[in-house]
Amino acid sequence: MRQSEIKELSIEEIKERLAEFKKQHADLKMAHAVTPLENPLQIRKTRRTVARLATELTKRELQ
């Protein structure tokens, strides 16, 4: 998810997506621990998306 897409979301949508991506990240980490993923870069991508969403949420709450 790109930063430009995140900026278009409302606060509620950001919270929903954040929970969604956190769960996806945890699932990917668990799956990778059991058997290696075909594309382990998915873990990095979801982690960075979580960080982008959390940053945007914090930025909006401080405004």
C-alpha atoms as a PDB file:
ATOM      1  CA  MET A   1       0.000   0.000   0.000  1.00  0.00           C
ATOM      2  CA  ARG A   2       1.479   3.304  -1.085  1.00  0.00           C
ATOM      3  CA  GLN A   3       1.688   6.457   1.001  1.00  0.00           C
ATOM      4  CA  SER A   4      -0.566   8.297  -1.459  1.00  0.00           C
ATOM      5  CA  GLU A   5      -3.267   5.633  -0.976  1.00  0.00           C
ATOM      6  CA  ILE A   6      -2.953   5.875   2.803  1.00  0.00           C
ATOM      7  CA  LYS A   7      -3.416   9.647   2.793  1.00  0.00           C
ATOM      8  CA  GLU A   8      -6.800   9.235   1.088  1.00  0.00           C
ATOM      9  CA  LEU A   9      -8.172   6.981   3.848  1.00  0.00           C
ATOM     10  CA  SER A  10     -10.187   8.166   6.834  1.00  0.00           C
ATOM     11  CA  ILE A  11      -8.983   7.553  10.386  1.00  0.00           C
ATOM     12  CA  GLU A  12     -11.409   4.654  10.845  1.00  0.00           C
ATOM     13  CA  GLU A  13     -10.279   3.042   7.598  1.00  0.00           C
ATOM     14  CA  ILE A  14      -6.648   3.408   8.659  1.00  0.00           C
ATOM     15  CA  LYS A  15      -7.390   1.680  11.967  1.00  0.00           C
ATOM     16  CA  GLU A  16      -9.149  -1.185  10.162  1.00  0.00           C
ATOM     17  CA  ARG A  17      -6.334  -1.618   7.652  1.00  0.00           C
ATOM     18  CA  LEU A  18      -3.733  -1.419  10.423  1.00  0.00           C
ATOM     19  CA  ALA A  19      -5.369  -4.298  12.309  1.00  0.00           C
ATOM     20  CA  GLU A  20      -5.695  -6.242   9.062  1.00  0.00           C
ATOM     21  CA  PHE A  21      -2.029  -5.828   8.118  1.00  0.00           C
ATOM     22  CA  LYS A  22      -0.812  -6.581  11.664  1.00  0.00           C
ATOM     23  CA  LYS A  23      -2.678  -9.884  11.558  1.00  0.00           C
ATOM     24  CA  GLN A  24      -1.335 -10.642   8.095  1.00  0.00           C
ATOM     25  CA  HIS A  25       2.219  -9.880   9.273  1.00  0.00           C
ATOM     26  CA  ALA A  26       1.882 -12.175  12.284  1.00  0.00           C
ATOM     27  CA  ASP A  27       0.477 -14.951  10.084  1.00  0.00           C
ATOM     28  CA  LEU A  28       3.327 -14.600   7.594  1.00  0.00           C
ATOM     29  CA  LYS A  29       5.939 -14.716  10.367  1.00  0.00           C
ATOM     30  CA  MET A  30       4.376 -17.836  11.840  1.00  0.00           C
ATOM     31  CA  ALA A  31       4.121 -19.546   8.451  1.00  0.00           C
ATOM     32  CA  HIS A  32       7.741 -18.674   7.696  1.00  0.00           C
ATOM     33  CA  ALA A  33       8.898 -20.117  11.020  1.00  0.00           C
ATOM     34  CA  VAL A  34       7.198 -23.437  10.272  1.00  0.00           C
ATOM     35  CA  THR A  35       8.176 -23.750   6.619  1.00  0.00           C
ATOM     36  CA  PRO A  36      10.062 -21.158   4.576  1.00  0.00           C
ATOM     37  CA  LEU A  37       7.860 -18.945   2.435  1.00  0.00           C
ATOM     38  CA  GLU A  38       8.195 -18.947  -1.312  1.00  0.00           C
ATOM     39  CA  ASN A  39       8.656 -15.165  -1.196  1.00  0.00           C
ATOM     40  CA  PRO A  40       9.996 -14.047   2.224  1.00  0.00           C
ATOM     41  CA  LEU A  41      10.033 -10.407   1.059  1.00  0.00           C
ATOM     42  CA  GLN A  42       6.283 -10.389   1.758  1.00  0.00           C
ATOM     43  CA  ILE A  43       7.151 -10.149   5.457  1.00  0.00           C
ATOM     44  CA  ARG A  44       9.172  -6.973   4.888  1.00  0.00           C
ATOM     45  CA  LYS A  45       6.464  -5.472   2.708  1.00  0.00           C
ATOM     46  CA  THR A  46       3.719  -6.016   5.292  1.00  0.00           C
ATOM     47  CA  ARG A  47       5.933  -4.758   8.132  1.00  0.00           C
ATOM     48  CA  ARG A  48       6.613  -1.536   6.251  1.00  0.00           C
ATOM     49  CA  THR A  49       2.937  -1.112   5.417  1.00  0.00           C
ATOM     50  CA  VAL A  50       2.094  -1.458   9.112  1.00  0.00           C
ATOM     51  CA  ALA A  51       4.673   1.222   9.880  1.00  0.00           C
ATOM     52  CA  ARG A  52       3.264   3.559   7.212  1.00  0.00           C
ATOM     53  CA  LEU A  53      -0.268   3.145   8.521  1.00  0.00           C
ATOM     54  CA  ALA A  54       0.785   3.657  12.142  1.00  0.00           C
ATOM     55  CA  THR A  55       2.764   6.759  11.225  1.00  0.00           C
ATOM     56  CA  GLU A  56      -0.144   8.305   9.340  1.00  0.00           C
ATOM     57  CA  LEU A  57      -2.542   7.485  12.193  1.00  0.00           C
ATOM     58  CA  THR A  58      -0.253   9.130  14.760  1.00  0.00           C
ATOM     59  CA  LYS A  59       0.238  12.153  12.515  1.00  0.00           C
ATOM     60  CA  ARG A  60      -3.517  12.665  12.155  1.00  0.00           C
ATOM     61  CA  GLU A  61      -4.226  12.188  15.854  1.00  0.00           C
ATOM     62  CA  LEU A  62      -1.670  14.868  16.736  1.00  0.00           C
ATOM     63  CA  GLN A  63      -3.265  17.431  14.422  1.00  0.00           C
END
